[in-house]
Amino acid sequence: MTVTEPEPSSKARTLALLPWIVLDVPSALGKDPKMLLSEIGVIAVVGAGQMGTGIAQICAQRGYRVLLADAALERAKSGKLAVEKQLGRLRDKGKLSASDCEQASTRIEASTAELAYPQADLVIEAATENRELKLAIFEQADALSKPQAILASNTSSVSLTLLAGRTKRADRVVGMHFMNPVPIMKLVELVRGMETNEETLATVRGLAESLNKTVIVSHDRPGFLVNRMLIPFLNEACFALDEGTGSAEDIDQGARLGLNHPLGPADLIGLDTVLAIARVLEQDFGDPKYRPSLLLKNLVAAGYLGRKTKRGFYVYDDQGAKVRPAP
């Protein structure tokens, strides 16, 4: 008697093959592999100023290797020294162990942007709030970075869609707007351009949350969410001061005690940055209500940019402490 074995069902044949199959879900879906948070080991922070050093510090403290880059290597080295100074203060106050302080410092390497891009899994641009500068940085970052790397910008006003247009990876361009001072402020404002995909947004959200930050998401509009509210507020305070409605001290006291704002932030942000964002709002919305005050423009023209130049609306000492109102 001949026994005919039944033809295996398609389900049985599939199960039999499973031990030898390596599933490549992204390929099966016709997508390029995207960055996963677990794959972000090296972060290039481009711009070694106040914001860049703050971003580098918190990333290093959370275990990431950081390439702190600037156009000139000496500026990057100065930025690393500034981070080490801040870490040392945390250690001396008992907020960071000596071991954690040393480890965070060793994770930061000063570099040039050209050398940093090819090594980075994530690039965070933190240059001056200048549209043309940021466009040039993104064009170079796209040319030199790994194909799968994410390009993020800390911009507080420049269109992410515009920046992405200078690259061949618009789906992997995203805004990561940290607040100043970065190690203290809890918020990160993520900004999605027209072509930013969900994988990119999820990856940078995961990164921000790993840095113990709270995340909000804005669509790509001038000023996004935070500066759409903040800059007109600060600009109106400048108009009030210029018109003699009140003194700088009384305006700040009113904001602190009447609105529960902990400090007057314009000098801390930098008056040049406040002016740059105000101009973006005015130009991109085409609405005169966003026009920057003449006082703000004159202070910037005179080089009085706030605490970083020791003079803005107030005069500051070498440690950045407020001394008195500016004359």
Protein backbone atom coordinates (compact mmCIF):
# COMPACT_ATOMS: atom_id res chain seq x y z
CA MET A 1 0.00 0.00 0.00
CA THR A 2 1.38 3.32 -0.98
CA VAL A 3 0.94 6.11 1.48
CA THR A 4 0.77 9.54 -0.07
CA GLU A 5 1.84 12.24 2.29
CA PRO A 6 -0.42 15.26 2.20
CA GLU A 7 0.95 18.36 0.53
CA PRO A 8 2.05 20.77 3.28
CA SER A 9 -0.19 23.74 3.59
CA SER A 10 1.19 27.15 2.69
CA LYS A 11 1.06 27.98 6.41
CA ALA A 12 3.11 24.90 7.30
CA ARG A 13 5.69 25.66 4.59
CA THR A 14 6.05 29.21 5.91
CA LEU A 15 6.53 28.03 9.49
CA ALA A 16 9.14 25.50 8.37
CA LEU A 17 11.18 28.23 6.74
CA LEU A 18 11.07 30.64 9.68
CA PRO A 19 14.24 29.43 11.48
CA TRP A 20 16.32 30.31 8.40
CA ILE A 21 14.65 33.59 7.54
CA VAL A 22 16.03 36.91 8.68
CA LEU A 23 13.22 39.38 8.55
CA ASP A 24 14.11 42.80 7.18
CA VAL A 25 10.93 44.70 7.89
CA PRO A 26 12.13 48.11 6.58
CA SER A 27 13.18 46.52 3.27
CA ALA A 28 9.97 44.54 3.09
CA LEU A 29 8.04 47.76 3.48
CA GLY A 30 10.14 49.41 0.80
CA LYS A 31 11.71 51.90 3.26
CA ASP A 32 15.28 52.84 3.90
CA PRO A 33 16.58 51.83 7.35
CA LYS A 34 15.98 54.67 9.81
CA MET A 35 17.91 55.70 12.84
CA LEU A 36 16.77 54.05 16.04
CA LEU A 37 17.49 55.76 19.33
CA SER A 38 19.64 52.80 20.40
CA GLU A 39 21.83 53.41 17.35
CA ILE A 40 22.66 57.00 18.30
CA GLY A 41 26.06 56.73 19.89
CA VAL A 42 27.84 59.79 18.49
CA ILE A 43 26.28 63.25 18.44
CA ALA A 44 27.92 66.16 16.63
CA VAL A 45 26.96 69.53 18.10
CA VAL A 46 27.88 72.23 15.58
CA GLY A 47 28.33 75.59 17.25
CA ALA A 48 30.32 75.90 20.47
CA GLY A 49 28.55 78.93 21.90
CA GLN A 50 26.17 79.16 24.83
CA MET A 51 23.54 76.83 23.39
CA GLY A 52 25.94 74.36 21.80
CA THR A 53 27.98 73.89 24.96
CA GLY A 54 24.80 73.38 26.99
CA ILE A 55 23.55 70.71 24.56
CA ALA A 56 26.97 69.03 24.55
CA GLN A 57 27.03 68.98 28.36
CA ILE A 58 23.68 67.28 28.88
CA CYS A 59 24.32 64.74 26.09
CA ALA A 60 27.70 63.82 27.62
CA GLN A 61 26.17 63.53 31.08
CA ARG A 62 23.64 61.02 29.72
CA GLY A 63 26.35 58.83 28.21
CA TYR A 64 26.55 59.97 24.59
CA ARG A 65 29.86 60.60 22.85
CA VAL A 66 29.82 64.24 21.74
CA LEU A 67 31.84 65.94 19.02
CA LEU A 68 31.65 69.64 19.86
CA ALA A 69 32.46 71.40 16.61
CA ASP A 70 32.88 74.92 15.33
CA ALA A 71 34.26 76.58 12.23
CA ALA A 72 37.55 77.10 14.09
CA LEU A 73 38.98 74.33 16.25
CA GLU A 74 40.10 76.87 18.86
CA ARG A 75 36.50 77.94 19.40
CA ALA A 76 35.49 74.31 19.86
CA LYS A 77 38.29 73.84 22.40
CA SER A 78 37.14 76.95 24.27
CA GLY A 79 33.62 75.52 24.25
CA LYS A 80 34.82 72.28 25.79
CA LEU A 81 36.63 74.23 28.51
CA ALA A 82 33.38 76.07 29.25
CA VAL A 83 31.56 72.74 29.64
CA GLU A 84 34.28 71.42 31.95
CA LYS A 85 33.92 74.57 34.05
CA GLN A 86 30.17 74.00 34.38
CA LEU A 87 30.67 70.33 35.26
CA GLY A 88 33.21 71.36 37.89
CA ARG A 89 30.69 73.73 39.46
CA LEU A 90 28.14 70.92 39.67
CA ARG A 91 30.78 68.69 41.30
CA ASP A 92 31.76 71.37 43.81
CA LYS A 93 28.10 71.88 44.76
CA GLY A 94 27.68 68.15 45.33
CA LYS A 95 25.24 67.78 42.43
CA LEU A 96 27.61 65.58 40.41
CA SER A 97 30.12 63.01 41.63
CA ALA A 98 33.81 63.45 40.77
CA SER A 99 33.62 60.25 38.72
CA ASP A 100 30.56 61.37 36.74
CA CYS A 101 32.17 64.76 36.17
CA GLU A 102 35.32 63.17 34.75
CA GLN A 103 33.41 60.69 32.59
CA ALA A 104 31.19 63.39 31.09
CA SER A 105 34.24 65.49 30.29
CA THR A 106 36.02 62.61 28.55
CA ARG A 107 32.98 61.97 26.35
CA ILE A 108 33.31 65.42 24.75
CA GLU A 109 35.83 65.94 21.99
CA ALA A 110 36.56 69.30 20.37
CA SER A 111 36.49 69.04 16.59
CA THR A 112 35.93 70.87 13.36
CA ALA A 113 32.59 70.41 11.64
CA GLU A 114 34.20 68.72 8.62
CA LEU A 115 35.75 66.02 10.81
CA ALA A 116 32.67 65.61 13.00
CA TYR A 117 30.02 65.05 10.31
CA PRO A 118 31.23 61.65 8.99
CA GLN A 119 31.38 60.20 12.51
CA ALA A 120 28.00 61.39 13.75
CA ASP A 121 24.75 59.44 13.99
CA LEU A 122 22.95 62.68 14.82
CA VAL A 123 24.01 66.24 14.00
CA ILE A 124 22.57 69.07 16.11
CA GLU A 125 23.24 72.47 14.56
CA ALA A 126 23.47 75.16 17.24
CA ALA A 127 24.99 78.08 15.35
CA THR A 128 24.04 81.75 15.55
CA GLU A 129 20.43 82.50 14.59
CA ASN A 130 21.36 83.48 11.04
CA ARG A 131 19.38 81.98 8.17
CA GLU A 132 22.15 81.99 5.55
CA LEU A 133 24.68 80.50 7.97
CA LYS A 134 22.33 77.70 8.92
CA LEU A 135 21.55 76.96 5.26
CA ALA A 136 25.27 76.65 4.52
CA ILE A 137 25.79 74.37 7.52
CA PHE A 138 22.98 72.06 6.46
CA GLU A 139 24.27 71.85 2.91
CA GLN A 140 27.72 70.85 4.15
CA ALA A 141 26.36 68.49 6.82
CA ASP A 142 24.26 66.68 4.23
CA ALA A 143 27.26 66.26 1.92
CA LEU A 144 29.59 64.90 4.61
CA SER A 145 27.36 62.99 7.02
CA LYS A 146 26.41 59.31 6.90
CA PRO A 147 23.43 58.66 4.61
CA GLN A 148 21.31 57.49 7.54
CA ALA A 149 22.26 60.29 9.95
CA ILE A 150 19.61 62.66 11.24
CA LEU A 151 20.23 66.39 10.84
CA ALA A 152 18.63 68.47 13.60
CA SER A 153 18.65 72.21 14.16
CA ASN A 154 18.40 74.10 17.42
CA THR A 155 16.99 77.05 15.49
CA SER A 156 14.40 79.11 17.32
CA SER A 157 12.81 80.61 14.21
CA VAL A 158 14.26 79.50 10.84
CA SER A 159 12.03 77.23 8.74
CA LEU A 160 12.96 73.54 8.96
CA THR A 161 11.41 72.99 5.55
CA LEU A 162 13.77 75.63 4.16
CA LEU A 163 16.79 73.98 5.82
CA ALA A 164 15.70 70.54 4.63
CA GLY A 165 15.50 71.89 1.08
CA ARG A 166 19.29 72.24 1.08
CA THR A 167 19.69 68.51 1.69
CA LYS A 168 18.92 65.21 -0.01
CA ARG A 169 17.41 63.80 3.21
CA ALA A 170 14.45 66.07 3.94
CA ASP A 171 12.69 63.23 5.76
CA ARG A 172 15.56 63.10 8.28
CA VAL A 173 15.70 66.84 9.02
CA VAL A 174 14.00 68.02 12.23
CA GLY A 175 14.04 70.86 14.73
CA MET A 176 15.28 70.31 18.29
CA HIS A 177 14.84 73.69 19.96
CA PHE A 178 16.41 73.55 23.42
CA MET A 179 15.71 76.34 25.90
CA ASN A 180 18.39 78.51 27.51
CA PRO A 181 20.11 77.62 29.83
CA VAL A 182 20.01 74.10 28.40
CA PRO A 183 21.08 72.11 31.50
CA ILE A 184 18.35 73.77 33.60
CA MET A 185 15.35 74.31 31.33
CA LYS A 186 13.16 71.24 31.02
CA LEU A 187 11.59 71.86 27.62
CA VAL A 188 12.62 70.77 24.13
CA GLU A 189 10.44 72.00 21.28
CA LEU A 190 10.52 69.57 18.35
CA VAL A 191 9.68 71.03 14.96
CA ARG A 192 8.65 68.94 12.01
CA GLY A 193 9.21 70.23 8.51
CA MET A 194 6.88 69.36 5.65
CA GLU A 195 8.81 66.16 4.91
CA THR A 196 10.02 65.12 8.37
CA ASN A 197 8.93 61.50 8.79
CA GLU A 198 7.51 59.77 11.85
CA GLU A 199 10.65 57.69 12.43
CA THR A 200 12.81 60.79 12.65
CA LEU A 201 10.39 62.54 14.98
CA ALA A 202 10.14 59.46 17.21
CA THR A 203 13.93 59.11 17.35
CA VAL A 204 14.60 62.69 18.44
CA ARG A 205 11.69 62.56 20.87
CA GLY A 206 13.28 59.50 22.44
CA LEU A 207 16.62 61.29 22.62
CA ALA A 208 15.11 64.39 24.25
CA GLU A 209 13.30 62.25 26.80
CA SER A 210 16.52 60.34 27.52
CA LEU A 211 18.01 63.75 28.41
CA ASN A 212 15.19 64.18 30.98
CA LYS A 213 13.44 66.82 28.89
CA THR A 214 9.73 67.38 28.36
CA VAL A 215 8.78 67.48 24.67
CA ILE A 216 6.30 69.58 22.75
CA VAL A 217 5.85 69.39 18.96
CA SER A 218 5.30 72.32 16.62
CA HIS A 219 4.56 72.42 12.93
CA ASP A 220 6.91 74.51 10.82
CA ARG A 221 5.63 78.05 11.30
CA PRO A 222 7.64 81.23 11.98
CA GLY A 223 8.73 81.29 15.62
CA PHE A 224 7.18 77.84 16.15
CA LEU A 225 5.26 77.79 19.47
CA VAL A 226 7.53 79.20 22.17
CA ASN A 227 9.00 82.18 20.31
CA ARG A 228 5.71 82.95 18.59
CA MET A 229 4.55 83.85 22.12
CA LEU A 230 7.80 85.07 23.71
CA ILE A 231 9.33 87.43 21.15
CA PRO A 232 6.30 89.74 20.73
CA PHE A 233 6.12 89.87 24.55
CA LEU A 234 9.79 90.90 24.87
CA ASN A 235 9.51 93.30 21.95
CA GLU A 236 6.51 95.02 23.55
CA ALA A 237 8.53 95.44 26.75
CA CYS A 238 11.20 97.17 24.63
CA PHE A 239 8.58 99.53 23.20
CA ALA A 240 7.33 100.31 26.73
CA LEU A 241 10.87 101.08 27.92
CA ASP A 242 11.66 103.20 24.86
CA GLU A 243 8.44 105.20 25.29
CA GLY A 244 9.25 105.87 28.97
CA THR A 245 6.24 103.97 30.25
CA GLY A 246 8.43 102.46 32.97
CA SER A 247 12.04 101.67 33.88
CA ALA A 248 13.77 98.40 32.98
CA GLU A 249 13.64 97.41 36.65
CA ASP A 250 9.93 98.12 36.95
CA ILE A 251 9.13 96.25 33.73
CA ASP A 252 11.07 93.22 34.97
CA GLN A 253 9.51 93.47 38.43
CA GLY A 254 6.08 93.55 36.82
CA ALA A 255 6.85 90.42 34.80
CA ARG A 256 8.27 88.60 37.83
CA LEU A 257 5.65 89.45 40.42
CA GLY A 258 2.66 90.11 38.17
CA LEU A 259 3.13 87.33 35.61
CA ASN A 260 5.20 84.91 37.72
CA HIS A 261 8.10 84.96 35.25
CA PRO A 262 11.28 84.03 37.15
CA LEU A 263 13.56 86.45 35.28
CA GLY A 264 13.71 88.92 32.44
CA PRO A 265 15.12 86.67 29.71
CA ALA A 266 16.11 89.09 26.94
CA ASP A 267 19.64 89.78 28.19
CA LEU A 268 20.13 86.06 28.89
CA ILE A 269 18.93 84.97 25.44
CA GLY A 270 21.02 87.65 23.73
CA LEU A 271 19.53 90.77 22.19
CA ASP A 272 20.95 89.85 18.79
CA THR A 273 19.00 86.58 18.91
CA VAL A 274 15.81 88.34 20.03
CA LEU A 275 16.18 90.81 17.15
CA ALA A 276 16.90 88.06 14.61
CA ILE A 277 13.74 86.16 15.60
CA ALA A 278 11.65 89.33 15.58
CA ARG A 279 12.83 90.02 12.04
CA VAL A 280 11.92 86.47 10.96
CA LEU A 281 8.41 86.91 12.39
CA GLU A 282 8.01 90.29 10.68
CA GLN A 283 9.32 89.08 7.32
CA ASP A 284 7.66 85.66 7.17
CA PHE A 285 4.24 86.74 8.44
CA GLY A 286 4.38 90.08 6.61
CA ASP A 287 2.61 91.66 9.57
CA PRO A 288 3.88 94.99 10.98
CA LYS A 289 2.76 94.02 14.47
CA TYR A 290 5.98 91.98 14.70
CA ARG A 291 8.28 94.90 13.80
CA PRO A 292 11.23 95.09 16.23
CA SER A 293 11.51 98.17 18.41
CA LEU A 294 14.04 100.85 17.53
CA LEU A 295 15.62 100.52 20.99
CA LEU A 296 16.27 96.82 20.42
CA LYS A 297 17.81 97.50 17.00
CA ASN A 298 20.02 100.25 18.38
CA LEU A 299 21.32 98.15 21.28
CA VAL A 300 22.31 95.38 18.87
CA ALA A 301 23.92 97.86 16.48
CA ALA A 302 25.98 99.22 19.39
CA GLY A 303 27.16 95.73 20.33
CA TYR A 304 25.21 95.64 23.60
CA LEU A 305 23.88 92.10 23.31
CA GLY A 306 23.14 91.29 26.94
CA ARG A 307 24.98 89.22 29.49
CA LYS A 308 27.38 87.69 26.96
CA THR A 309 28.82 91.18 26.22
CA LYS A 310 28.41 92.37 29.84
CA ARG A 311 25.87 94.97 28.78
CA GLY A 312 22.35 95.00 27.45
CA PHE A 313 19.42 96.40 29.40
CA TYR A 314 21.67 95.84 32.43
CA VAL A 315 25.41 95.89 33.12
CA TYR A 316 27.01 92.58 34.20
CA ASP A 317 30.25 91.68 35.96
CA ASP A 318 32.82 89.14 34.77
CA GLN A 319 30.86 86.29 36.40
CA GLY A 320 27.66 87.29 34.59
CA ALA A 321 25.98 88.72 37.68
CA LYS A 322 23.69 91.71 37.18
CA VAL A 323 25.29 94.92 38.54
CA ARG A 324 22.87 97.74 37.65
CA PRO A 325 20.60 98.99 34.88
CA ALA A 326 22.49 100.20 31.82
CA PRO A 327 22.60 103.99 31.43
